[in-house]
PDB file of N, CA and C in Angstrom:
ATOM      1  N   MET A   1     -41.278 118.655 -15.456  1.00  0.00           N
ATOM      2  CA  MET A   1     -42.412 117.771 -15.102  1.00  0.00           C
ATOM      3  C   MET A   1     -42.478 117.603 -13.618  1.00  0.00           C
ATOM      4  N   ASP A   2     -43.635 117.696 -12.972  1.00  0.00           N
ATOM      5  CA  ASP A   2     -43.827 117.517 -11.625  1.00  0.00           C
ATOM      6  C   ASP A   2     -43.336 116.121 -11.196  1.00  0.00           C
ATOM      7  N   ASN A   3     -42.704 116.056 -10.105  1.00  0.00           N
ATOM      8  CA  ASN A   3     -42.065 114.790  -9.624  1.00  0.00           C
ATOM      9  C   ASN A   3     -43.154 113.670  -9.460  1.00  0.00           C
ATOM     10  N   SER A   4     -44.339 114.025  -9.002  1.00  0.00           N
ATOM     11  CA  SER A   4     -45.371 113.017  -8.821  1.00  0.00           C
ATOM     12  C   SER A   4     -45.887 112.489 -10.145  1.00  0.00           C
ATOM     13  N   ILE A   5     -45.942 113.384 -11.154  1.00  0.00           N
ATOM     14  CA  ILE A   5     -46.382 112.906 -12.509  1.00  0.00           C
ATOM     15  C   ILE A   5     -45.312 112.011 -13.104  1.00  0.00           C
ATOM     16  N   LYS A   6     -44.033 112.364 -12.884  1.00  0.00           N
ATOM     17  CA  LYS A   6     -42.921 111.553 -13.409  1.00  0.00           C
ATOM     18  C   LYS A   6     -42.944 110.133 -12.731  1.00  0.00           C
ATOM     19  N   THR A   7     -43.229 110.127 -11.452  1.00  0.00           N
ATOM     20  CA  THR A   7     -43.254 108.855 -10.690  1.00  0.00           C
ATOM     21  C   THR A   7     -44.446 108.041 -11.248  1.00  0.00           C
ATOM     22  N   GLU A   8     -45.593 108.610 -11.505  1.00  0.00           N
ATOM     23  CA  GLU A   8     -46.768 107.881 -12.045  1.00  0.00           C
ATOM     24  C   GLU A   8     -46.425 107.368 -13.468  1.00  0.00           C
ATOM     25  N   CYS A   9     -45.775 108.147 -14.282  1.00  0.00           N
ATOM     26  CA  CYS A   9     -45.352 107.695 -15.624  1.00  0.00           C
ATOM     27  C   CYS A   9     -44.345 106.545 -15.531  1.00  0.00           C
ATOM     28  N   ASP A  10     -43.454 106.645 -14.590  1.00  0.00           N
ATOM     29  CA  ASP A  10     -42.461 105.535 -14.361  1.00  0.00           C
ATOM     30  C   ASP A  10     -43.203 104.271 -13.964  1.00  0.00           C
ATOM     31  N   LYS A  11     -44.134 104.416 -13.076  1.00  0.00           N
ATOM     32  CA  LYS A  11     -44.887 103.219 -12.601  1.00  0.00           C
ATOM     33  C   LYS A  11     -45.669 102.587 -13.750  1.00  0.00           C
ATOM     34  N   LEU A  12     -46.319 103.444 -14.558  1.00  0.00           N
ATOM     35  CA  LEU A  12     -47.132 102.888 -15.688  1.00  0.00           C
ATOM     36  C   LEU A  12     -46.200 102.178 -16.685  1.00  0.00           C
ATOM     37  N   SER A  13     -45.006 102.703 -16.903  1.00  0.00           N
ATOM     38  CA  SER A  13     -44.086 102.082 -17.814  1.00  0.00           C
ATOM     39  C   SER A  13     -43.598 100.775 -17.347  1.00  0.00           C
ATOM     40  N   VAL A  14     -43.343 100.675 -15.971  1.00  0.00           N
ATOM     41  CA  VAL A  14     -42.908  99.399 -15.404  1.00  0.00           C
ATOM     42  C   VAL A  14     -44.061  98.363 -15.497  1.00  0.00           C
ATOM     43  N   VAL A  15     -45.282  98.814 -15.180  1.00  0.00           N
ATOM     44  CA  VAL A  15     -46.446  97.824 -15.337  1.00  0.00           C
ATOM     45  C   VAL A  15     -46.558  97.371 -16.779  1.00  0.00           C
ATOM     46  N   LYS A  16     -46.395  98.258 -17.680  1.00  0.00           N
ATOM     47  CA  LYS A  16     -46.503  97.826 -19.115  1.00  0.00           C
ATOM     48  C   LYS A  16     -45.443  96.830 -19.457  1.00  0.00           C
ATOM     49  N   ASP A  17     -44.170  97.058 -18.981  1.00  0.00           N
ATOM     50  CA  ASP A  17     -43.126  96.097 -19.219  1.00  0.00           C
ATOM     51  C   ASP A  17     -43.382  94.751 -18.595  1.00  0.00           C
ATOM     52  N   ILE A  18     -43.940  94.777 -17.349  1.00  0.00           N
ATOM     53  CA  ILE A  18     -44.252  93.511 -16.739  1.00  0.00           C
ATOM     54  C   ILE A  18     -45.249  92.783 -17.487  1.00  0.00           C
ATOM     55  N   ASN A  19     -46.338  93.453 -17.891  1.00  0.00           N
ATOM     56  CA  ASN A  19     -47.419  92.759 -18.560  1.00  0.00           C
ATOM     57  C   ASN A  19     -47.016  92.230 -19.946  1.00  0.00           C
ATOM     58  N   GLU A  20     -46.167  92.947 -20.654  1.00  0.00           N
ATOM     59  CA  GLU A  20     -45.642  92.442 -21.943  1.00  0.00           C
ATOM     60  C   GLU A  20     -44.917  91.165 -21.779  1.00  0.00           C
ATOM     61  N   ARG A  21     -44.050  91.110 -20.746  1.00  0.00           N
ATOM     62  CA  ARG A  21     -43.245  89.882 -20.520  1.00  0.00           C
ATOM     63  C   ARG A  21     -44.121  88.768 -19.975  1.00  0.00           C
ATOM     64  N   GLN A  22     -45.025  89.079 -19.114  1.00  0.00           N
ATOM     65  CA  GLN A  22     -45.926  87.963 -18.595  1.00  0.00           C
ATOM     66  C   GLN A  22     -46.723  87.409 -19.719  1.00  0.00           C
ATOM     67  N   ASN A  23     -47.180  88.212 -20.666  1.00  0.00           N
ATOM     68  CA  ASN A  23     -48.001  87.694 -21.788  1.00  0.00           C
ATOM     69  C   ASN A  23     -47.206  86.762 -22.660  1.00  0.00           C
ATOM     70  N   ILE A  24     -45.979  87.070 -22.820  1.00  0.00           N
ATOM     71  CA  ILE A  24     -45.088  86.160 -23.676  1.00  0.00           C
ATOM     72  C   ILE A  24     -44.916  84.863 -22.907  1.00  0.00           C
ATOM     73  N   ILE A  25     -44.622  84.957 -21.626  1.00  0.00           N
ATOM     74  CA  ILE A  25     -44.407  83.746 -20.790  1.00  0.00           C
ATOM     75  C   ILE A  25     -45.750  82.920 -20.809  1.00  0.00           C
ATOM     76  N   ARG A  26     -46.826  83.556 -20.523  1.00  0.00           N
ATOM     77  CA  ARG A  26     -48.121  82.840 -20.490  1.00  0.00           C
ATOM     78  C   ARG A  26     -48.407  82.175 -21.782  1.00  0.00           C
ATOM     79  N   GLN A  27     -48.156  82.829 -22.933  1.00  0.00           N
ATOM     80  CA  GLN A  27     -48.404  82.213 -24.219  1.00  0.00           C
ATOM     81  C   GLN A  27     -47.575  80.948 -24.363  1.00  0.00           C
ATOM     82  N   PHE A  28     -46.306  81.037 -23.951  1.00  0.00           N
ATOM     83  CA  PHE A  28     -45.415  79.890 -24.089  1.00  0.00           C
ATOM     84  C   PHE A  28     -45.901  78.774 -23.195  1.00  0.00           C
ATOM     85  N   GLU A  29     -46.301  79.103 -21.995  1.00  0.00           N
ATOM     86  CA  GLU A  29     -46.728  78.047 -21.034  1.00  0.00           C
ATOM     87  C   GLU A  29     -48.049  77.348 -21.485  1.00  0.00           C
ATOM     88  N   THR A  30     -48.935  78.123 -22.126  1.00  0.00           N
ATOM     89  CA  THR A  30     -50.242  77.541 -22.534  1.00  0.00           C
ATOM     90  C   THR A  30     -50.267  76.883 -23.926  1.00  0.00           C
ATOM     91  N   THR A  31     -49.416  77.398 -24.817  1.00  0.00           N
ATOM     92  CA  THR A  31     -49.426  76.888 -26.211  1.00  0.00           C
ATOM     93  C   THR A  31     -48.158  76.210 -26.621  1.00  0.00           C
ATOM     94  N   GLY A  32     -47.065  76.554 -25.933  1.00  0.00           N
ATOM     95  CA  GLY A  32     -45.756  75.985 -26.341  1.00  0.00           C
ATOM     96  C   GLY A  32     -45.089  76.856 -27.393  1.00  0.00           C
ATOM     97  N   PHE A  33     -45.763  77.917 -27.830  1.00  0.00           N
ATOM     98  CA  PHE A  33     -45.228  78.807 -28.898  1.00  0.00           C
ATOM     99  C   PHE A  33     -44.488  79.957 -28.277  1.00  0.00           C
ATOM    100  N   LEU A  34     -43.285  80.211 -28.808  1.00  0.00           N
ATOM    101  CA  LEU A  34     -42.516  81.345 -28.357  1.00  0.00           C
ATOM    102  C   LEU A  34     -42.077  82.138 -29.576  1.00  0.00           C
ATOM    103  N   ASP A  35     -42.485  83.409 -29.668  1.00  0.00           N
ATOM    104  CA  ASP A  35     -42.018  84.267 -30.670  1.00  0.00           C
ATOM    105  C   ASP A  35     -40.594  84.740 -30.226  1.00  0.00           C
ATOM    106  N   ARG A  36     -39.591  83.939 -30.669  1.00  0.00           N
ATOM    107  CA  ARG A  36     -38.248  84.175 -30.120  1.00  0.00           C
ATOM    108  C   ARG A  36     -37.771  85.603 -30.397  1.00  0.00           C
ATOM    109  N   ASN A  37     -37.959  86.096 -31.549  1.00  0.00           N
ATOM    110  CA  ASN A  37     -37.454  87.453 -31.881  1.00  0.00           C
ATOM    111  C   ASN A  37     -38.089  88.497 -30.998  1.00  0.00           C
ATOM    112  N   LYS A  38     -39.417  88.358 -30.748  1.00  0.00           N
ATOM    113  CA  LYS A  38     -40.116  89.327 -29.960  1.00  0.00           C
ATOM    114  C   LYS A  38     -39.579  89.186 -28.483  1.00  0.00           C
ATOM    115  N   ALA A  39     -39.449  87.966 -27.984  1.00  0.00           N
ATOM    116  CA  ALA A  39     -38.942  87.776 -26.604  1.00  0.00           C
ATOM    117  C   ALA A  39     -37.541  88.367 -26.422  1.00  0.00           C
ATOM    118  N   ILE A  40     -36.684  88.022 -27.360  1.00  0.00           N
ATOM    119  CA  ILE A  40     -35.277  88.487 -27.268  1.00  0.00           C
ATOM    120  C   ILE A  40     -35.199  89.986 -27.355  1.00  0.00           C
ATOM    121  N   ASN A  41     -36.059  90.592 -28.234  1.00  0.00           N
ATOM    122  CA  ASN A  41     -36.096  92.031 -28.343  1.00  0.00           C
ATOM    123  C   ASN A  41     -36.523  92.676 -27.072  1.00  0.00           C
ATOM    124  N   LYS A  42     -37.525  92.076 -26.359  1.00  0.00           N
ATOM    125  CA  LYS A  42     -37.952  92.622 -25.017  1.00  0.00           C
ATOM    126  C   LYS A  42     -36.825  92.506 -24.069  1.00  0.00           C
ATOM    127  N   ILE A  43     -36.138  91.415 -24.029  1.00  0.00           N
ATOM    128  CA  ILE A  43     -35.016  91.195 -23.086  1.00  0.00           C
ATOM    129  C   ILE A  43     -33.899  92.228 -23.303  1.00  0.00           C
ATOM    130  N   THR A  44     -33.459  92.356 -24.538  1.00  0.00           N
ATOM    131  CA  THR A  44     -32.336  93.235 -24.858  1.00  0.00           C
ATOM    132  C   THR A  44     -32.682  94.746 -24.797  1.00  0.00           C
ATOM    133  N   SER A  45     -33.923  95.079 -25.176  1.00  0.00           N
ATOM    134  CA  SER A  45     -34.263  96.491 -25.178  1.00  0.00           C
ATOM    135  C   SER A  45     -34.317  97.030 -23.740  1.00  0.00           C
ATOM    136  N   LEU A  46     -34.806  96.241 -22.809  1.00  0.00           N
ATOM    137  CA  LEU A  46     -34.865  96.667 -21.404  1.00  0.00           C
ATOM    138  C   LEU A  46     -33.455  96.735 -20.806  1.00  0.00           C
ATOM    139  N   GLN A  47     -32.601  95.843 -21.240  1.00  0.00           N
ATOM    140  CA  GLN A  47     -31.202  95.910 -20.731  1.00  0.00           C
ATOM    141  C   GLN A  47     -30.508  97.185 -21.202  1.00  0.00           C
ATOM    142  N   ILE A  48     -30.885  97.688 -22.344  1.00  0.00           N
ATOM    143  CA  ILE A  48     -30.299  98.892 -22.847  1.00  0.00           C
ATOM    144  C   ILE A  48     -30.787 100.108 -22.108  1.00  0.00           C
ATOM    145  N   THR A  49     -32.092 100.122 -21.760  1.00  0.00           N
ATOM    146  CA  THR A  49     -32.659 101.335 -21.173  1.00  0.00           C
ATOM    147  C   THR A  49     -32.649 101.346 -19.601  1.00  0.00           C
ATOM    148  N   ASP A  50     -32.418 100.182 -18.987  1.00  0.00           N
ATOM    149  CA  ASP A  50     -32.408 100.185 -17.548  1.00  0.00           C
ATOM    150  C   ASP A  50     -31.080  99.688 -17.033  1.00  0.00           C
ATOM    151  N   THR A  51     -30.275 100.627 -16.550  1.00  0.00           N
ATOM    152  CA  THR A  51     -28.925 100.295 -16.116  1.00  0.00           C
ATOM    153  C   THR A  51     -28.898  99.370 -14.873  1.00  0.00           C
ATOM    154  N   GLU A  52     -29.905  99.585 -13.985  1.00  0.00           N
ATOM    155  CA  GLU A  52     -29.972  98.691 -12.859  1.00  0.00           C
ATOM    156  C   GLU A  52     -30.204  97.273 -13.218  1.00  0.00           C
ATOM    157  N   LEU A  53     -31.099  97.049 -14.206  1.00  0.00           N
ATOM    158  CA  LEU A  53     -31.353  95.702 -14.736  1.00  0.00           C
ATOM    159  C   LEU A  53     -30.143  95.128 -15.430  1.00  0.00           C
ATOM    160  N   LEU A  54     -29.418  95.997 -16.151  1.00  0.00           N
ATOM    161  CA  LEU A  54     -28.271  95.509 -16.860  1.00  0.00           C
ATOM    162  C   LEU A  54     -27.215  95.034 -15.817  1.00  0.00           C
ATOM    163  N   THR A  55     -27.045  95.738 -14.725  1.00  0.00           N
ATOM    164  CA  THR A  55     -26.086  95.347 -13.695  1.00  0.00           C
ATOM    165  C   THR A  55     -26.561  94.055 -13.060  1.00  0.00           C
ATOM    166  N   ALA A  56     -27.861  93.903 -12.743  1.00  0.00           N
ATOM    167  CA  ALA A  56     -28.364  92.671 -12.178  1.00  0.00           C
ATOM    168  C   ALA A  56     -28.199  91.479 -13.099  1.00  0.00           C
ATOM    169  N   THR A  57     -28.398  91.735 -14.410  1.00  0.00           N
ATOM    170  CA  THR A  57     -28.215  90.649 -15.393  1.00  0.00           C
ATOM    171  C   THR A  57     -26.736  90.227 -15.489  1.00  0.00           C
ATOM    172  N   LYS A  58     -25.842  91.188 -15.445  1.00  0.00           N
ATOM    173  CA  LYS A  58     -24.387  90.890 -15.522  1.00  0.00           C
ATOM    174  C   LYS A  58     -24.038  90.061 -14.284  1.00  0.00           C
ATOM    175  N   LEU A  59     -24.470  90.438 -13.088  1.00  0.00           N
ATOM    176  CA  LEU A  59     -24.178  89.671 -11.911  1.00  0.00           C
ATOM    177  C   LEU A  59     -24.712  88.248 -11.960  1.00  0.00           C
ATOM    178  N   LYS A  60     -25.936  88.130 -12.501  1.00  0.00           N
ATOM    179  CA  LYS A  60     -26.522  86.811 -12.755  1.00  0.00           C
ATOM    180  C   LYS A  60     -25.721  85.914 -13.645  1.00  0.00           C
ATOM    181  N   GLN A  61     -25.177  86.556 -14.711  1.00  0.00           N
ATOM    182  CA  GLN A  61     -24.431  85.833 -15.703  1.00  0.00           C
ATOM    183  C   GLN A  61     -23.115  85.414 -15.089  1.00  0.00           C
ATOM    184  N   VAL A  62     -22.503  86.198 -14.259  1.00  0.00           N
ATOM    185  CA  VAL A  62     -21.243  85.878 -13.618  1.00  0.00           C
ATOM    186  C   VAL A  62     -21.456  84.627 -12.762  1.00  0.00           C
ATOM    187  N   ALA A  63     -22.604  84.580 -12.020  1.00  0.00           N
ATOM    188  CA  ALA A  63     -22.902  83.473 -11.141  1.00  0.00           C
ATOM    189  C   ALA A  63     -23.262  82.231 -11.842  1.00  0.00           C
ATOM    190  N   SER A  64     -24.033  82.390 -12.899  1.00  0.00           N
ATOM    191  CA  SER A  64     -24.595  81.114 -13.574  1.00  0.00           C
ATOM    192  C   SER A  64     -24.179  80.928 -14.978  1.00  0.00           C
ATOM    193  N   GLY A  65     -23.376  81.770 -15.542  1.00  0.00           N
ATOM    194  CA  GLY A  65     -22.899  81.626 -16.890  1.00  0.00           C
ATOM    195  C   GLY A  65     -23.782  82.373 -17.892  1.00  0.00           C
ATOM    196  N   SER A  66     -23.194  82.696 -18.960  1.00  0.00           N
ATOM    197  CA  SER A  66     -23.830  83.496 -19.984  1.00  0.00           C
ATOM    198  C   SER A  66     -24.085  82.734 -21.296  1.00  0.00           C
ATOM    199  N   VAL A  67     -25.177  82.987 -21.965  1.00  0.00           N
ATOM    200  CA  VAL A  67     -25.386  82.300 -23.259  1.00  0.00           C
ATOM    201  C   VAL A  67     -25.951  83.309 -24.185  1.00  0.00           C
ATOM    202  N   ASN A  68     -25.580  83.266 -25.509  1.00  0.00           N
ATOM    203  CA  ASN A  68     -26.153  84.093 -26.507  1.00  0.00           C
ATOM    204  C   ASN A  68     -27.592  83.766 -26.659  1.00  0.00           C
ATOM    205  N   LEU A  69     -28.471  84.771 -26.528  1.00  0.00           N
ATOM    206  CA  LEU A  69     -29.919  84.503 -26.539  1.00  0.00           C
ATOM    207  C   LEU A  69     -30.351  83.948 -27.894  1.00  0.00           C
ATOM    208  N   TYR A  70     -29.731  84.261 -28.925  1.00  0.00           N
ATOM    209  CA  TYR A  70     -30.065  83.726 -30.274  1.00  0.00           C
ATOM    210  C   TYR A  70     -29.739  82.279 -30.424  1.00  0.00           C
ATOM    211  N   GLN A  71     -28.830  81.795 -29.555  1.00  0.00           N
ATOM    212  CA  GLN A  71     -28.475  80.382 -29.566  1.00  0.00           C
ATOM    213  C   GLN A  71     -29.157  79.628 -28.420  1.00  0.00           C
ATOM    214  N   ALA A  72     -29.852  80.358 -27.575  1.00  0.00           N
ATOM    215  CA  ALA A  72     -30.456  79.743 -26.357  1.00  0.00           C
ATOM    216  C   ALA A  72     -31.713  78.915 -26.692  1.00  0.00           C
ATOM    217  N   ASP A  73     -32.040  77.921 -25.848  1.00  0.00           N
ATOM    218  CA  ASP A  73     -33.262  77.229 -26.068  1.00  0.00           C
ATOM    219  C   ASP A  73     -34.441  78.078 -25.497  1.00  0.00           C
ATOM    220  N   ASP A  74     -35.650  77.716 -25.805  1.00  0.00           N
ATOM    221  CA  ASP A  74     -36.815  78.487 -25.426  1.00  0.00           C
ATOM    222  C   ASP A  74     -36.937  78.705 -23.892  1.00  0.00           C
ATOM    223  N   ASN A  75     -36.607  77.619 -23.129  1.00  0.00           N
ATOM    224  CA  ASN A  75     -36.726  77.678 -21.694  1.00  0.00           C
ATOM    225  C   ASN A  75     -35.735  78.733 -21.099  1.00  0.00           C
ATOM    226  N   THR A  76     -34.563  78.847 -21.651  1.00  0.00           N
ATOM    227  CA  THR A  76     -33.566  79.865 -21.261  1.00  0.00           C
ATOM    228  C   THR A  76     -34.110  81.270 -21.496  1.00  0.00           C
ATOM    229  N   ILE A  77     -34.776  81.483 -22.670  1.00  0.00           N
ATOM    230  CA  ILE A  77     -35.296  82.763 -23.006  1.00  0.00           C
ATOM    231  C   ILE A  77     -36.431  83.085 -22.042  1.00  0.00           C
ATOM    232  N   ILE A  78     -37.316  82.081 -21.737  1.00  0.00           N
ATOM    233  CA  ILE A  78     -38.336  82.306 -20.788  1.00  0.00           C
ATOM    234  C   ILE A  78     -37.787  82.648 -19.440  1.00  0.00           C
ATOM    235  N   SER A  79     -36.768  81.965 -19.029  1.00  0.00           N
ATOM    236  CA  SER A  79     -36.102  82.196 -17.748  1.00  0.00           C
ATOM    237  C   SER A  79     -35.561  83.624 -17.659  1.00  0.00           C
ATOM    238  N   ASN A  80     -34.985  84.111 -18.742  1.00  0.00           N
ATOM    239  CA  ASN A  80     -34.555  85.475 -18.777  1.00  0.00           C
ATOM    240  C   ASN A  80     -35.694  86.481 -18.647  1.00  0.00           C
ATOM    241  N   LEU A  81     -36.823  86.180 -19.306  1.00  0.00           N
ATOM    242  CA  LEU A  81     -37.961  87.048 -19.264  1.00  0.00           C
ATOM    243  C   LEU A  81     -38.514  87.061 -17.806  1.00  0.00           C
ATOM    244  N   GLN A  82     -38.544  85.851 -17.133  1.00  0.00           N
ATOM    245  CA  GLN A  82     -39.087  85.790 -15.794  1.00  0.00           C
ATOM    246  C   GLN A  82     -38.182  86.571 -14.831  1.00  0.00           C
ATOM    247  N   PHE A  83     -36.845  86.502 -15.081  1.00  0.00           N
ATOM    248  CA  PHE A  83     -35.906  87.307 -14.284  1.00  0.00           C
ATOM    249  C   PHE A  83     -36.245  88.764 -14.385  1.00  0.00           C
ATOM    250  N   GLN A  84     -36.508  89.176 -15.563  1.00  0.00           N
ATOM    251  CA  GLN A  84     -36.864  90.603 -15.732  1.00  0.00           C
ATOM    252  C   GLN A  84     -38.189  90.968 -15.094  1.00  0.00           C
ATOM    253  N   VAL A  85     -39.178  90.045 -15.167  1.00  0.00           N
ATOM    254  CA  VAL A  85     -40.450  90.284 -14.514  1.00  0.00           C
ATOM    255  C   VAL A  85     -40.225  90.437 -13.019  1.00  0.00           C
ATOM    256  N   ASN A  86     -39.476  89.576 -12.409  1.00  0.00           N
ATOM    257  CA  ASN A  86     -39.188  89.610 -10.960  1.00  0.00           C
ATOM    258  C   ASN A  86     -38.473  90.919 -10.624  1.00  0.00           C
ATOM    259  N   PHE A  87     -37.472  91.303 -11.461  1.00  0.00           N
ATOM    260  CA  PHE A  87     -36.801  92.559 -11.246  1.00  0.00           C
ATOM    261  C   PHE A  87     -37.754  93.756 -11.280  1.00  0.00           C
ATOM    262  N   LEU A  88     -38.619  93.733 -12.313  1.00  0.00           N
ATOM    263  CA  LEU A  88     -39.541  94.875 -12.517  1.00  0.00           C
ATOM    264  C   LEU A  88     -40.625  94.961 -11.364  1.00  0.00           C
ATOM    265  N   ILE A  89     -40.981  93.797 -10.888  1.00  0.00           N
ATOM    266  CA  ILE A  89     -41.959  93.826  -9.775  1.00  0.00           C
ATOM    267  C   ILE A  89     -41.327  94.427  -8.557  1.00  0.00           C
ATOM    268  N   SER A  90     -40.032  94.105  -8.314  1.00  0.00           N
ATOM    269  CA  SER A  90     -39.281  94.729  -7.178  1.00  0.00           C
ATOM    270  C   SER A  90     -39.154  96.256  -7.424  1.00  0.00           C
ATOM    271  N   LYS A  91     -38.909  96.620  -8.685  1.00  0.00           N
ATOM    272  CA  LYS A  91     -38.717  98.010  -9.028  1.00  0.00           C
ATOM    273  C   LYS A  91     -40.023  98.789  -8.782  1.00  0.00           C
ATOM    274  N   LEU A  92     -41.153  98.145  -9.136  1.00  0.00           N
ATOM    275  CA  LEU A  92     -42.471  98.778  -8.962  1.00  0.00           C
ATOM    276  C   LEU A  92     -42.729  98.912  -7.471  1.00  0.00           C
ATOM    277  N   GLY A  93     -42.387  97.967  -6.727  1.00  0.00           N
ATOM    278  CA  GLY A  93     -42.586  98.041  -5.231  1.00  0.00           C
ATOM    279  C   GLY A  93     -41.739  99.191  -4.635  1.00  0.00           C
ATOM    280  N   LYS A  94     -40.569  99.365  -5.157  1.00  0.00           N
ATOM    281  CA  LYS A  94     -39.661 100.430  -4.659  1.00  0.00           C
ATOM    282  C   LYS A  94     -40.293 101.788  -5.045  1.00  0.00           C
ATOM    283  N   LEU A  95     -40.760 101.893  -6.275  1.00  0.00           N
ATOM    284  CA  LEU A  95     -41.432 103.145  -6.706  1.00  0.00           C
ATOM    285  C   LEU A  95     -42.650 103.476  -5.867  1.00  0.00           C
ATOM    286  N   ASN A  96     -43.492 102.427  -5.556  1.00  0.00           N
ATOM    287  CA  ASN A  96     -44.650 102.638  -4.729  1.00  0.00           C
ATOM    288  C   ASN A  96     -44.259 103.099  -3.284  1.00  0.00           C
ATOM    289  N   LEU A  97     -43.206 102.512  -2.782  1.00  0.00           N
ATOM    290  CA  LEU A  97     -42.761 102.851  -1.439  1.00  0.00           C
ATOM    291  C   LEU A  97     -42.278 104.250  -1.427  1.00  0.00           C
ATOM    292  N   GLU A  98     -41.440 104.608  -2.373  1.00  0.00           N
ATOM    293  CA  GLU A  98     -40.946 106.026  -2.494  1.00  0.00           C
ATOM    294  C   GLU A  98     -42.106 106.998  -2.627  1.00  0.00           C
ATOM    295  N   ASP A  99     -43.117 106.625  -3.370  1.00  0.00           N
ATOM    296  CA  ASP A  99     -44.289 107.521  -3.609  1.00  0.00           C
ATOM    297  C   ASP A  99     -45.047 107.698  -2.290  1.00  0.00           C
ATOM    298  N   ARG A 100     -45.183 106.653  -1.499  1.00  0.00           N
ATOM    299  CA  ARG A 100     -45.896 106.783  -0.190  1.00  0.00           C
ATOM    300  C   ARG A 100     -45.106 107.637   0.780  1.00  0.00           C
ATOM    301  N   ASN A 101     -43.757 107.563   0.721  1.00  0.00           N
ATOM    302  CA  ASN A 101     -42.912 108.339   1.606  1.00  0.00           C
ATOM    303  C   ASN A 101     -42.937 109.783   1.289  1.00  0.00           C
ATOM    304  N   GLU A 102     -43.340 110.179   0.092  1.00  0.00           N
ATOM    305  CA  GLU A 102     -43.376 111.538  -0.304  1.00  0.00           C
ATOM    306  C   GLU A 102     -44.703 112.248   0.136  1.00  0.00           C
ATOM    307  N   ILE A 103     -45.677 111.438   0.486  1.00  0.00           N
ATOM    308  CA  ILE A 103     -47.010 111.995   0.821  1.00  0.00           C
ATOM    309  C   ILE A 103     -46.932 112.652   2.256  1.00  0.00           C
TER     310      ILE A 103
END
């Protein structure tokens, strides 16, 4: 696969991940409803597929403590989703910067 096509696919995937998490956060903020299983699945699935995020998550847990997501309150789950959104926004910025440097 052409490197520019792979980069575009990577960017689209990151944008999709950001939007999915932001939608869950927005729904919680506007309605108070949190589909806990969906949110936890989003958190854990990305930790499995993105080693950089997993490392960042482990460092955050060392600094602030770790909690089992299935035992966490809704605000903790939302906080974890927001952490991932922030991470993914940074990752998207890095991909955009790398893409510009290749032109």
